[in-house]
């Protein structure tokens, strides 16, 4: 018989470890954080920590994988339908329906996202996200959503521009303590991404 209480204990332990990591990164930066710091803050012993993670780098890598899995599930798999809508000029609702669930996930995991995207940390999460986007959009084992020969600029520049712009907006939102709703941030991103920054600035109609 499956022990649900055991599952719940594992879930609570993992959450306590993640929360401890986030708090400690905010307080002293990732480089200064030790496994002992994490176990003390999470109120667990070192054996429990090592039953889940090899070290603090493995812990961060698992957190990053979780975010990228969410991004893949909520955004990337829906890119083909977004492209179809853009090509048929029926783009009023699809971008919102794709972006909002991911932004809701970020809103629910503000502390983790803020720690991973911290510009002074050495976690290089932004670079990993851009590499992930490049491979997903252009090097998919299945039919890639974007065809390189159709691009007007090299793919790595396109991904770098899109990734930096979106992450910049998300970082600003997190720094504002999520004052706007996920829906409002999605609308801001879409206005700038689809219509361009000149349109968003009121200089182009």
N, C-alpha and C. Protein backbone atom coordinates (compact mmCIF):
# COMPACT_ATOMS: atom_id res chain seq x y z
N UNK A 1 0.84 -1.20 0.00
CA UNK A 1 0.00 0.00 0.00
C UNK A 1 0.88 1.26 0.00
N UNK A 2 0.49 2.24 -0.83
CA UNK A 2 1.29 3.46 -0.97
C UNK A 2 1.10 4.34 0.25
N UNK A 3 2.21 4.83 0.81
CA UNK A 3 2.16 5.66 2.01
C UNK A 3 2.12 7.14 1.64
N UNK A 4 0.90 7.71 1.69
CA UNK A 4 0.73 9.12 1.31
C UNK A 4 1.42 10.05 2.30
N UNK A 5 1.44 9.67 3.59
CA UNK A 5 2.07 10.53 4.59
C UNK A 5 3.57 10.66 4.32
N UNK A 6 4.16 9.57 3.81
CA UNK A 6 5.58 9.60 3.46
C UNK A 6 5.81 10.56 2.30
N UNK A 7 4.93 10.52 1.29
CA UNK A 7 5.01 11.44 0.15
C UNK A 7 4.91 12.89 0.62
N UNK A 8 3.97 13.14 1.53
CA UNK A 8 3.78 14.50 2.04
C UNK A 8 5.01 14.99 2.80
N UNK A 9 5.64 14.07 3.54
CA UNK A 9 6.84 14.43 4.28
C UNK A 9 7.96 14.83 3.32
N UNK A 10 8.10 14.06 2.24
CA UNK A 10 9.13 14.36 1.23
C UNK A 10 8.86 15.72 0.60
N UNK A 11 7.60 15.97 0.23
CA UNK A 11 7.23 17.25 -0.39
C UNK A 11 7.54 18.41 0.55
N UNK A 12 7.19 18.24 1.83
CA UNK A 12 7.44 19.31 2.81
C UNK A 12 8.95 19.53 3.01
N UNK A 13 9.70 18.44 3.03
CA UNK A 13 11.16 18.54 3.21
C UNK A 13 11.79 19.28 2.04
N UNK A 14 11.41 18.90 0.82
CA UNK A 14 11.96 19.54 -0.38
C UNK A 14 11.61 21.03 -0.39
N UNK A 15 10.37 21.35 -0.02
CA UNK A 15 9.94 22.75 0.02
C UNK A 15 10.74 23.52 1.06
N UNK A 16 10.98 22.89 2.22
CA UNK A 16 11.76 23.55 3.29
C UNK A 16 13.18 23.83 2.81
N UNK A 17 13.76 22.88 2.09
CA UNK A 17 15.13 23.05 1.56
C UNK A 17 15.16 24.20 0.55
N UNK A 18 14.19 24.22 -0.37
CA UNK A 18 14.14 25.28 -1.38
C UNK A 18 13.94 26.65 -0.73
N UNK A 19 13.03 26.72 0.23
CA UNK A 19 12.76 27.99 0.91
C UNK A 19 14.01 28.48 1.64
N UNK A 20 14.72 27.54 2.26
CA UNK A 20 15.96 27.90 2.97
C UNK A 20 16.98 28.45 1.99
N UNK A 21 17.11 27.79 0.84
CA UNK A 21 18.06 28.25 -0.18
C UNK A 21 17.73 29.66 -0.63
N UNK A 22 16.46 29.90 -0.93
CA UNK A 22 16.03 31.22 -1.41
C UNK A 22 16.33 32.30 -0.37
N UNK A 23 15.98 32.05 0.88
CA UNK A 23 16.22 33.03 1.95
C UNK A 23 17.71 33.33 2.10
N UNK A 24 18.52 32.28 2.05
CA UNK A 24 19.96 32.44 2.26
C UNK A 24 20.63 33.16 1.09
N UNK A 25 20.18 32.87 -0.15
CA UNK A 25 20.73 33.59 -1.31
C UNK A 25 20.43 35.08 -1.17
N UNK A 26 19.22 35.40 -0.73
CA UNK A 26 18.83 36.80 -0.57
C UNK A 26 19.66 37.47 0.53
N UNK A 27 19.99 36.71 1.57
CA UNK A 27 20.72 37.27 2.71
C UNK A 27 22.22 37.41 2.46
N UNK A 28 22.83 36.39 1.85
CA UNK A 28 24.29 36.40 1.78
C UNK A 28 24.87 36.06 0.41
N UNK A 29 24.02 35.79 -0.58
CA UNK A 29 24.52 35.44 -1.91
C UNK A 29 24.83 33.95 -1.99
N UNK A 30 24.66 33.39 -3.20
CA UNK A 30 24.79 31.94 -3.38
C UNK A 30 26.18 31.42 -3.02
N UNK A 31 27.22 32.15 -3.40
CA UNK A 31 28.59 31.67 -3.17
C UNK A 31 28.87 31.42 -1.69
N UNK A 32 28.29 32.25 -0.82
CA UNK A 32 28.57 32.13 0.62
C UNK A 32 27.70 31.08 1.31
N UNK A 33 26.67 30.60 0.63
CA UNK A 33 25.76 29.62 1.25
C UNK A 33 26.42 28.24 1.32
N UNK A 34 26.28 27.58 2.46
CA UNK A 34 26.80 26.22 2.62
C UNK A 34 25.64 25.26 2.85
N UNK A 35 25.93 23.97 2.69
CA UNK A 35 24.91 22.95 2.97
C UNK A 35 24.50 23.03 4.44
N UNK A 36 25.46 23.30 5.30
CA UNK A 36 25.14 23.43 6.74
C UNK A 36 24.16 24.57 6.98
N UNK A 37 24.37 25.70 6.27
CA UNK A 37 23.43 26.83 6.38
C UNK A 37 22.02 26.37 6.00
N UNK A 38 21.94 25.64 4.89
CA UNK A 38 20.64 25.20 4.37
C UNK A 38 19.96 24.25 5.35
N UNK A 39 20.70 23.26 5.85
CA UNK A 39 20.09 22.28 6.76
C UNK A 39 19.67 22.92 8.07
N UNK A 40 20.47 23.87 8.55
CA UNK A 40 20.12 24.57 9.80
C UNK A 40 18.84 25.37 9.61
N UNK A 41 18.77 26.11 8.47
CA UNK A 41 17.59 26.95 8.21
C UNK A 41 16.35 26.09 7.96
N UNK A 42 16.53 24.97 7.27
CA UNK A 42 15.39 24.09 6.95
C UNK A 42 15.02 23.17 8.12
N UNK A 43 15.86 23.17 9.17
CA UNK A 43 15.63 22.33 10.35
C UNK A 43 15.60 20.85 10.00
N UNK A 44 16.60 20.43 9.21
CA UNK A 44 16.74 19.02 8.87
C UNK A 44 18.21 18.63 9.11
N UNK A 45 18.48 17.33 9.11
CA UNK A 45 19.89 16.92 9.26
C UNK A 45 20.54 16.77 7.89
N UNK A 46 21.87 16.70 7.87
CA UNK A 46 22.62 16.65 6.62
C UNK A 46 22.27 15.40 5.81
N UNK A 47 22.02 14.29 6.51
CA UNK A 47 21.66 13.05 5.82
C UNK A 47 20.39 13.21 5.00
N UNK A 48 19.41 13.94 5.55
CA UNK A 48 18.15 14.17 4.83
C UNK A 48 18.42 15.00 3.58
N UNK A 49 19.26 16.03 3.71
CA UNK A 49 19.60 16.86 2.55
C UNK A 49 20.24 16.00 1.47
N UNK A 50 21.23 15.19 1.85
CA UNK A 50 21.98 14.40 0.87
C UNK A 50 21.16 13.23 0.30
N UNK A 51 20.04 12.93 0.92
CA UNK A 51 19.16 11.91 0.32
C UNK A 51 18.38 12.47 -0.86
N UNK A 52 18.37 13.81 -0.98
CA UNK A 52 17.66 14.47 -2.09
C UNK A 52 18.61 15.13 -3.09
N UNK A 53 19.73 15.66 -2.61
CA UNK A 53 20.64 16.43 -3.47
C UNK A 53 22.10 16.08 -3.17
N UNK A 54 22.94 16.16 -4.21
CA UNK A 54 24.36 15.86 -4.03
C UNK A 54 25.08 16.98 -3.28
N UNK A 55 24.73 18.22 -3.59
CA UNK A 55 25.33 19.39 -2.96
C UNK A 55 24.47 20.60 -3.31
N UNK A 56 24.93 21.80 -2.97
CA UNK A 56 24.10 23.00 -3.21
C UNK A 56 23.95 23.27 -4.71
N UNK A 57 24.95 22.88 -5.50
CA UNK A 57 24.88 23.09 -6.95
C UNK A 57 23.82 22.18 -7.58
N UNK A 58 23.73 20.96 -7.08
CA UNK A 58 22.71 20.03 -7.56
C UNK A 58 21.32 20.54 -7.19
N UNK A 59 21.20 21.11 -6.00
CA UNK A 59 19.93 21.69 -5.56
C UNK A 59 19.49 22.80 -6.50
N UNK A 60 20.40 23.71 -6.83
CA UNK A 60 20.08 24.81 -7.74
C UNK A 60 19.74 24.28 -9.13
N UNK A 61 20.51 23.29 -9.59
CA UNK A 61 20.25 22.70 -10.92
C UNK A 61 18.86 22.10 -10.98
N UNK A 62 18.43 21.44 -9.92
CA UNK A 62 17.08 20.85 -9.88
C UNK A 62 16.01 21.95 -9.89
N UNK A 63 16.28 23.04 -9.18
CA UNK A 63 15.34 24.18 -9.18
C UNK A 63 15.24 24.78 -10.59
N UNK A 64 16.37 24.89 -11.27
CA UNK A 64 16.38 25.44 -12.62
C UNK A 64 15.63 24.52 -13.58
N UNK A 65 15.84 23.21 -13.42
CA UNK A 65 15.14 22.23 -14.27
C UNK A 65 13.63 22.34 -14.09
N UNK A 66 13.22 22.55 -12.84
CA UNK A 66 11.79 22.68 -12.55
C UNK A 66 11.19 23.88 -13.30
N UNK A 67 11.91 25.00 -13.28
CA UNK A 67 11.43 26.21 -13.97
C UNK A 67 11.37 25.96 -15.48
N UNK A 68 12.39 25.32 -16.03
CA UNK A 68 12.41 25.08 -17.47
C UNK A 68 11.34 24.06 -17.88
N UNK A 69 11.06 23.10 -17.01
CA UNK A 69 9.97 22.16 -17.28
C UNK A 69 8.63 22.90 -17.34
N UNK A 70 8.45 23.83 -16.41
CA UNK A 70 7.21 24.63 -16.40
C UNK A 70 7.12 25.49 -17.66
N UNK A 71 8.26 26.07 -18.04
CA UNK A 71 8.31 26.91 -19.25
C UNK A 71 7.97 26.07 -20.48
N UNK A 72 8.52 24.87 -20.54
CA UNK A 72 8.25 23.99 -21.67
C UNK A 72 6.79 23.59 -21.71
N UNK A 73 6.24 23.26 -20.55
CA UNK A 73 4.86 22.78 -20.47
C UNK A 73 3.85 23.89 -20.77
N UNK A 74 4.13 25.09 -20.26
CA UNK A 74 3.14 26.17 -20.36
C UNK A 74 3.35 27.09 -21.56
N UNK A 75 4.57 27.16 -22.09
CA UNK A 75 4.83 28.08 -23.20
C UNK A 75 5.27 27.36 -24.47
N UNK A 76 6.39 26.63 -24.38
CA UNK A 76 7.04 26.11 -25.58
C UNK A 76 6.13 25.19 -26.38
N UNK A 77 5.41 24.31 -25.72
CA UNK A 77 4.57 23.37 -26.47
C UNK A 77 3.42 24.07 -27.19
N UNK A 78 3.14 25.33 -26.77
CA UNK A 78 2.05 26.08 -27.39
C UNK A 78 2.53 27.07 -28.46
N UNK A 79 3.86 27.13 -28.67
CA UNK A 79 4.41 28.08 -29.65
C UNK A 79 3.83 27.85 -31.06
N UNK A 80 3.70 26.59 -31.56
CA UNK A 80 3.13 26.41 -32.90
C UNK A 80 1.76 27.05 -33.08
N UNK A 81 0.88 26.93 -32.06
CA UNK A 81 -0.45 27.53 -32.19
C UNK A 81 -0.36 29.05 -32.17
N UNK A 82 0.62 29.58 -31.41
CA UNK A 82 0.83 31.03 -31.38
C UNK A 82 1.27 31.52 -32.76
N UNK A 83 2.21 30.80 -33.37
CA UNK A 83 2.71 31.17 -34.71
C UNK A 83 1.57 31.13 -35.73
N UNK A 84 0.74 30.09 -35.65
CA UNK A 84 -0.41 29.99 -36.56
C UNK A 84 -1.32 31.20 -36.43
N UNK A 85 -1.59 31.60 -35.17
CA UNK A 85 -2.48 32.74 -34.94
C UNK A 85 -1.86 34.05 -35.44
N UNK A 86 -0.55 34.19 -35.23
CA UNK A 86 0.12 35.40 -35.70
C UNK A 86 0.07 35.49 -37.22
N UNK A 87 0.23 34.34 -37.88
CA UNK A 87 0.23 34.31 -39.35
C UNK A 87 -1.15 34.60 -39.92
N UNK A 88 -2.21 34.30 -39.14
CA UNK A 88 -3.57 34.56 -39.62
C UNK A 88 -4.16 35.84 -39.02
N UNK A 89 -3.27 36.61 -38.33
CA UNK A 89 -3.69 37.86 -37.69
C UNK A 89 -4.77 37.66 -36.64
N UNK A 90 -4.84 36.47 -36.08
CA UNK A 90 -5.82 36.21 -35.03
C UNK A 90 -5.07 36.07 -33.71
N UNK A 91 -4.37 37.15 -33.32
CA UNK A 91 -3.43 37.06 -32.20
C UNK A 91 -3.90 37.77 -30.94
N UNK A 92 -5.19 37.95 -30.79
CA UNK A 92 -5.68 38.71 -29.64
C UNK A 92 -5.65 37.93 -28.33
N UNK A 93 -5.91 36.64 -28.38
CA UNK A 93 -6.05 35.89 -27.14
C UNK A 93 -4.97 34.85 -26.92
N UNK A 94 -4.43 34.25 -27.98
CA UNK A 94 -3.48 33.15 -27.81
C UNK A 94 -2.24 33.52 -27.00
N UNK A 95 -1.56 34.67 -27.28
CA UNK A 95 -0.38 34.99 -26.48
C UNK A 95 -0.70 35.09 -24.99
N UNK A 96 -1.85 35.67 -24.66
CA UNK A 96 -2.24 35.78 -23.25
C UNK A 96 -2.45 34.41 -22.63
N UNK A 97 -3.14 33.53 -23.37
CA UNK A 97 -3.45 32.21 -22.84
C UNK A 97 -2.19 31.38 -22.64
N UNK A 98 -1.11 31.71 -23.38
CA UNK A 98 0.15 31.00 -23.23
C UNK A 98 0.98 31.60 -22.09
N UNK A 99 1.06 32.93 -22.04
CA UNK A 99 1.93 33.58 -21.07
C UNK A 99 1.40 33.57 -19.65
N UNK A 100 0.10 33.79 -19.49
CA UNK A 100 -0.48 33.96 -18.15
C UNK A 100 -0.20 32.77 -17.23
N UNK A 101 -0.40 31.50 -17.67
CA UNK A 101 -0.12 30.39 -16.74
C UNK A 101 1.32 30.35 -16.26
N UNK A 102 2.28 30.68 -17.15
CA UNK A 102 3.68 30.69 -16.74
C UNK A 102 3.95 31.82 -15.76
N UNK A 103 3.36 32.98 -16.01
CA UNK A 103 3.54 34.12 -15.10
C UNK A 103 2.86 33.86 -13.75
N UNK A 104 1.77 33.10 -13.76
CA UNK A 104 1.14 32.70 -12.50
C UNK A 104 2.06 31.78 -11.70
N UNK A 105 2.76 30.88 -12.42
CA UNK A 105 3.74 30.01 -11.77
C UNK A 105 4.86 30.86 -11.14
N UNK A 106 5.35 31.85 -11.89
CA UNK A 106 6.40 32.74 -11.36
C UNK A 106 5.89 33.48 -10.13
N UNK A 107 4.66 33.95 -10.20
CA UNK A 107 4.06 34.69 -9.08
C UNK A 107 3.98 33.82 -7.83
N UNK A 108 3.70 32.54 -8.03
CA UNK A 108 3.59 31.61 -6.89
C UNK A 108 4.97 31.21 -6.35
N UNK A 109 6.02 31.43 -7.17
CA UNK A 109 7.39 31.05 -6.78
C UNK A 109 8.32 32.26 -6.88
N UNK A 110 7.83 33.40 -6.37
CA UNK A 110 8.57 34.66 -6.50
C UNK A 110 9.98 34.57 -5.93
N UNK A 111 10.08 34.02 -4.73
CA UNK A 111 11.38 33.96 -4.05
C UNK A 111 12.40 33.18 -4.86
N UNK A 112 11.99 32.01 -5.35
CA UNK A 112 12.89 31.17 -6.14
C UNK A 112 13.32 31.87 -7.42
N UNK A 113 12.35 32.46 -8.14
CA UNK A 113 12.65 33.13 -9.39
C UNK A 113 13.57 34.32 -9.18
N UNK A 114 13.32 35.07 -8.11
CA UNK A 114 14.16 36.24 -7.82
C UNK A 114 15.59 35.80 -7.55
N UNK A 115 15.74 34.70 -6.81
CA UNK A 115 17.08 34.18 -6.49
C UNK A 115 17.80 33.69 -7.76
N UNK A 116 17.07 32.97 -8.62
CA UNK A 116 17.69 32.42 -9.84
C UNK A 116 18.06 33.51 -10.84
N UNK A 117 17.25 34.58 -10.86
CA UNK A 117 17.48 35.66 -11.83
C UNK A 117 18.29 36.81 -11.27
N UNK A 118 18.77 36.67 -10.04
CA UNK A 118 19.54 37.73 -9.40
C UNK A 118 20.77 38.08 -10.27
N UNK A 119 20.86 39.33 -10.76
CA UNK A 119 21.96 39.68 -11.68
C UNK A 119 23.34 39.59 -11.04
N UNK A 120 23.43 39.71 -9.71
CA UNK A 120 24.76 39.66 -9.08
C UNK A 120 25.13 38.24 -8.66
N UNK A 121 24.20 37.29 -8.85
CA UNK A 121 24.55 35.92 -8.49
C UNK A 121 25.30 35.28 -9.65
N UNK A 122 25.99 34.20 -9.38
CA UNK A 122 26.81 33.55 -10.42
C UNK A 122 26.14 32.27 -10.90
N UNK A 123 24.81 32.27 -10.92
CA UNK A 123 24.09 31.04 -11.26
C UNK A 123 23.91 30.86 -12.77
N UNK A 124 24.15 31.91 -13.54
CA UNK A 124 24.07 31.86 -15.01
C UNK A 124 22.76 31.26 -15.52
N UNK A 125 21.68 31.48 -14.77
CA UNK A 125 20.39 30.91 -15.15
C UNK A 125 19.87 31.52 -16.44
N UNK A 126 20.11 32.81 -16.63
CA UNK A 126 19.62 33.47 -17.85
C UNK A 126 20.24 32.83 -19.09
N UNK A 127 21.53 32.53 -19.02
CA UNK A 127 22.22 31.90 -20.16
C UNK A 127 21.63 30.52 -20.42
N UNK A 128 21.36 29.77 -19.37
CA UNK A 128 20.78 28.43 -19.53
C UNK A 128 19.39 28.51 -20.15
N UNK A 129 18.61 29.51 -19.74
CA UNK A 129 17.27 29.67 -20.31
C UNK A 129 17.34 29.99 -21.80
N UNK A 130 18.28 30.86 -22.18
CA UNK A 130 18.42 31.22 -23.60
C UNK A 130 18.87 30.01 -24.42
N UNK A 131 19.80 29.22 -23.88
CA UNK A 131 20.23 27.99 -24.58
C UNK A 131 19.06 27.03 -24.75
N UNK A 132 18.24 26.94 -23.70
CA UNK A 132 17.06 26.09 -23.73
C UNK A 132 16.10 26.54 -24.82
N UNK A 133 15.87 27.86 -24.91
CA UNK A 133 14.97 28.42 -25.93
C UNK A 133 15.50 28.16 -27.33
N UNK A 134 16.82 28.36 -27.51
CA UNK A 134 17.43 28.17 -28.83
C UNK A 134 17.26 26.74 -29.30
N UNK A 135 17.55 25.78 -28.42
CA UNK A 135 17.43 24.37 -28.79
C UNK A 135 15.98 23.98 -29.05
N UNK A 136 15.07 24.51 -28.22
CA UNK A 136 13.66 24.13 -28.35
C UNK A 136 13.05 24.70 -29.63
N UNK A 137 13.38 25.95 -29.94
CA UNK A 137 12.76 26.61 -31.08
C UNK A 137 13.37 26.23 -32.43
N UNK A 138 14.66 25.86 -32.42
CA UNK A 138 15.33 25.62 -33.70
C UNK A 138 15.93 24.22 -33.85
N UNK A 139 16.12 23.49 -32.75
CA UNK A 139 16.81 22.21 -32.84
C UNK A 139 15.98 21.07 -32.27
N UNK A 140 14.67 21.26 -32.27
CA UNK A 140 13.79 20.21 -31.73
C UNK A 140 13.91 18.93 -32.55
N UNK A 141 13.84 17.78 -31.86
CA UNK A 141 13.89 16.48 -32.55
C UNK A 141 12.69 16.32 -33.49
N UNK A 142 11.57 16.92 -33.05
CA UNK A 142 10.39 16.90 -33.92
C UNK A 142 10.52 18.09 -34.87
N UNK A 143 9.42 18.52 -35.45
CA UNK A 143 9.47 19.69 -36.33
C UNK A 143 9.68 20.94 -35.49
N UNK A 144 10.79 21.66 -35.68
CA UNK A 144 11.01 22.86 -34.86
C UNK A 144 9.98 23.93 -35.19
N UNK A 145 9.53 24.69 -34.15
CA UNK A 145 8.50 25.71 -34.39
C UNK A 145 8.95 26.80 -35.35
N UNK A 146 10.24 27.16 -35.33
CA UNK A 146 10.73 28.21 -36.21
C UNK A 146 11.73 27.64 -37.22
N UNK A 147 11.65 28.13 -38.45
CA UNK A 147 12.54 27.65 -39.51
C UNK A 147 13.62 28.70 -39.73
N UNK A 148 14.86 28.28 -39.55
CA UNK A 148 15.98 29.23 -39.56
C UNK A 148 16.08 30.01 -40.87
N UNK A 149 15.82 29.36 -41.99
CA UNK A 149 15.98 30.03 -43.30
C UNK A 149 14.95 31.15 -43.49
N UNK A 150 13.88 31.14 -42.72
CA UNK A 150 12.87 32.19 -42.83
C UNK A 150 13.21 33.44 -42.01
N UNK A 151 14.22 33.32 -41.14
CA UNK A 151 14.55 34.43 -40.25
C UNK A 151 15.23 35.58 -41.00
N UNK A 152 15.02 36.79 -40.49
CA UNK A 152 15.67 37.97 -41.05
C UNK A 152 16.95 38.30 -40.29
N UNK A 153 17.16 37.65 -39.14
CA UNK A 153 18.37 37.85 -38.33
C UNK A 153 18.85 36.47 -37.87
N UNK A 154 20.14 36.32 -37.49
CA UNK A 154 20.62 35.02 -36.99
C UNK A 154 19.83 34.57 -35.76
N UNK A 155 19.56 33.25 -35.63
CA UNK A 155 18.71 32.76 -34.56
C UNK A 155 19.21 33.09 -33.15
N UNK A 156 20.55 33.04 -32.95
CA UNK A 156 21.06 33.30 -31.60
C UNK A 156 20.79 34.74 -31.16
N UNK A 157 20.77 35.68 -32.13
CA UNK A 157 20.48 37.07 -31.79
C UNK A 157 18.99 37.25 -31.49
N UNK A 158 18.17 36.57 -32.27
CA UNK A 158 16.72 36.65 -32.04
C UNK A 158 16.37 36.13 -30.65
N UNK A 159 16.91 34.95 -30.30
CA UNK A 159 16.62 34.35 -28.99
C UNK A 159 17.19 35.21 -27.87
N UNK A 160 18.39 35.76 -28.07
CA UNK A 160 19.00 36.60 -27.05
C UNK A 160 18.15 37.85 -26.81
N UNK A 161 17.65 38.44 -27.89
CA UNK A 161 16.83 39.65 -27.77
C UNK A 161 15.51 39.34 -27.05
N UNK A 162 14.82 38.30 -27.51
CA UNK A 162 13.54 37.93 -26.91
C UNK A 162 13.73 37.53 -25.45
N UNK A 163 14.73 36.67 -25.21
CA UNK A 163 14.97 36.19 -23.85
C UNK A 163 15.32 37.30 -22.89
N UNK A 164 16.24 38.18 -23.30
CA UNK A 164 16.67 39.28 -22.42
C UNK A 164 15.52 40.24 -22.15
N UNK A 165 14.73 40.52 -23.18
CA UNK A 165 13.61 41.45 -23.02
C UNK A 165 12.57 40.89 -22.05
N UNK A 166 12.19 39.63 -22.25
CA UNK A 166 11.17 39.03 -21.38
C UNK A 166 11.67 38.89 -19.95
N UNK A 167 12.92 38.42 -19.80
CA UNK A 167 13.47 38.25 -18.46
C UNK A 167 13.64 39.60 -17.76
N UNK A 168 13.98 40.63 -18.55
CA UNK A 168 14.10 41.97 -17.97
C UNK A 168 12.79 42.45 -17.39
N UNK A 169 11.69 42.22 -18.12
CA UNK A 169 10.36 42.61 -17.63
C UNK A 169 10.01 41.80 -16.37
N UNK A 170 10.30 40.50 -16.40
CA UNK A 170 9.98 39.64 -15.25
C UNK A 170 10.80 40.05 -14.03
N UNK A 171 12.09 40.37 -14.24
CA UNK A 171 12.93 40.83 -13.12
C UNK A 171 12.37 42.12 -12.52
N UNK A 172 11.97 43.05 -13.38
CA UNK A 172 11.42 44.32 -12.90
C UNK A 172 10.14 44.06 -12.09
N UNK A 173 9.33 43.15 -12.57
CA UNK A 173 8.08 42.78 -11.88
C UNK A 173 8.39 42.20 -10.50
N UNK A 174 9.37 41.31 -10.44
CA UNK A 174 9.75 40.70 -9.16
C UNK A 174 10.32 41.76 -8.22
N UNK A 175 11.12 42.68 -8.78
CA UNK A 175 11.68 43.75 -7.94
C UNK A 175 10.60 44.69 -7.41
N UNK A 176 9.48 44.77 -8.16
CA UNK A 176 8.34 45.57 -7.70
C UNK A 176 7.44 44.78 -6.76
N UNK A 177 7.92 43.59 -6.35
CA UNK A 177 7.14 42.70 -5.48
C UNK A 177 5.82 42.29 -6.09
N UNK A 178 5.81 42.13 -7.42
CA UNK A 178 4.62 41.61 -8.10
C UNK A 178 3.41 42.49 -7.94
N UNK A 179 3.59 43.82 -8.05
CA UNK A 179 2.45 44.73 -7.87
C UNK A 179 1.37 44.48 -8.92
N UNK A 180 1.80 44.22 -10.16
CA UNK A 180 0.82 43.93 -11.22
C UNK A 180 0.44 42.45 -11.18
N UNK A 181 -0.71 42.14 -11.75
CA UNK A 181 -1.15 40.74 -11.82
C UNK A 181 -0.43 40.05 -12.98
N UNK A 182 -0.39 38.70 -12.98
CA UNK A 182 0.18 37.98 -14.13
C UNK A 182 -0.47 38.40 -15.45
N UNK A 183 -1.78 38.64 -15.44
CA UNK A 183 -2.49 39.07 -16.65
C UNK A 183 -1.95 40.41 -17.15
N UNK A 184 -1.74 41.36 -16.22
CA UNK A 184 -1.25 42.69 -16.60
C UNK A 184 0.16 42.61 -17.16
N UNK A 185 1.02 41.79 -16.54
CA UNK A 185 2.40 41.64 -17.03
C UNK A 185 2.39 40.98 -18.41
N UNK A 186 1.52 39.99 -18.60
CA UNK A 186 1.40 39.34 -19.91
C UNK A 186 1.02 40.36 -20.98
N UNK A 187 0.09 41.25 -20.66
CA UNK A 187 -0.33 42.27 -21.62
C UNK A 187 0.81 43.25 -21.93
N UNK A 188 1.61 43.59 -20.92
CA UNK A 188 2.76 44.48 -21.13
C UNK A 188 3.77 43.81 -22.06
N UNK A 189 4.08 42.55 -21.79
CA UNK A 189 5.05 41.81 -22.62
C UNK A 189 4.56 41.69 -24.05
N UNK A 190 3.28 41.37 -24.21
CA UNK A 190 2.71 41.20 -25.56
C UNK A 190 2.72 42.51 -26.33
N UNK A 191 2.36 43.61 -25.66
CA UNK A 191 2.36 44.93 -26.33
C UNK A 191 3.73 45.25 -26.88
N UNK A 192 4.76 44.96 -26.10
CA UNK A 192 6.13 45.28 -26.54
C UNK A 192 6.66 44.25 -27.53
N UNK A 193 6.31 42.98 -27.34
CA UNK A 193 6.86 41.92 -28.19
C UNK A 193 6.23 41.91 -29.58
N UNK A 194 4.92 41.99 -29.63
CA UNK A 194 4.22 41.86 -30.91
C UNK A 194 4.18 43.19 -31.66
N UNK A 195 3.93 44.29 -30.94
CA UNK A 195 3.82 45.58 -31.61
C UNK A 195 5.13 46.36 -31.64
N UNK A 196 6.07 45.99 -30.77
CA UNK A 196 7.37 46.64 -30.76
C UNK A 196 7.48 47.75 -29.74
N UNK A 197 8.72 48.07 -29.29
CA UNK A 197 8.91 49.10 -28.27
C UNK A 197 8.49 50.50 -28.71
N UNK A 198 8.61 50.81 -30.00
CA UNK A 198 8.20 52.15 -30.47
C UNK A 198 6.69 52.33 -30.32
N UNK A 199 5.94 51.26 -30.61
CA UNK A 199 4.49 51.30 -30.43
C UNK A 199 4.17 51.47 -28.94
N UNK A 200 4.87 50.68 -28.08
CA UNK A 200 4.63 50.74 -26.63
C UNK A 200 4.95 52.12 -26.08
N UNK A 201 5.91 52.81 -26.70
CA UNK A 201 6.31 54.14 -26.24
C UNK A 201 5.39 55.24 -26.76
N UNK A 202 4.40 54.86 -27.58
CA UNK A 202 3.47 55.85 -28.13
C UNK A 202 4.02 56.61 -29.31
N UNK A 203 5.12 56.11 -29.91
CA UNK A 203 5.75 56.82 -31.03
C UNK A 203 5.32 56.29 -32.39
N UNK A 204 4.62 55.15 -32.38
CA UNK A 204 4.25 54.52 -33.66
C UNK A 204 2.87 53.93 -33.52
N UNK A 205 2.01 54.21 -34.48
CA UNK A 205 0.64 53.66 -34.43
C UNK A 205 0.40 52.79 -35.63
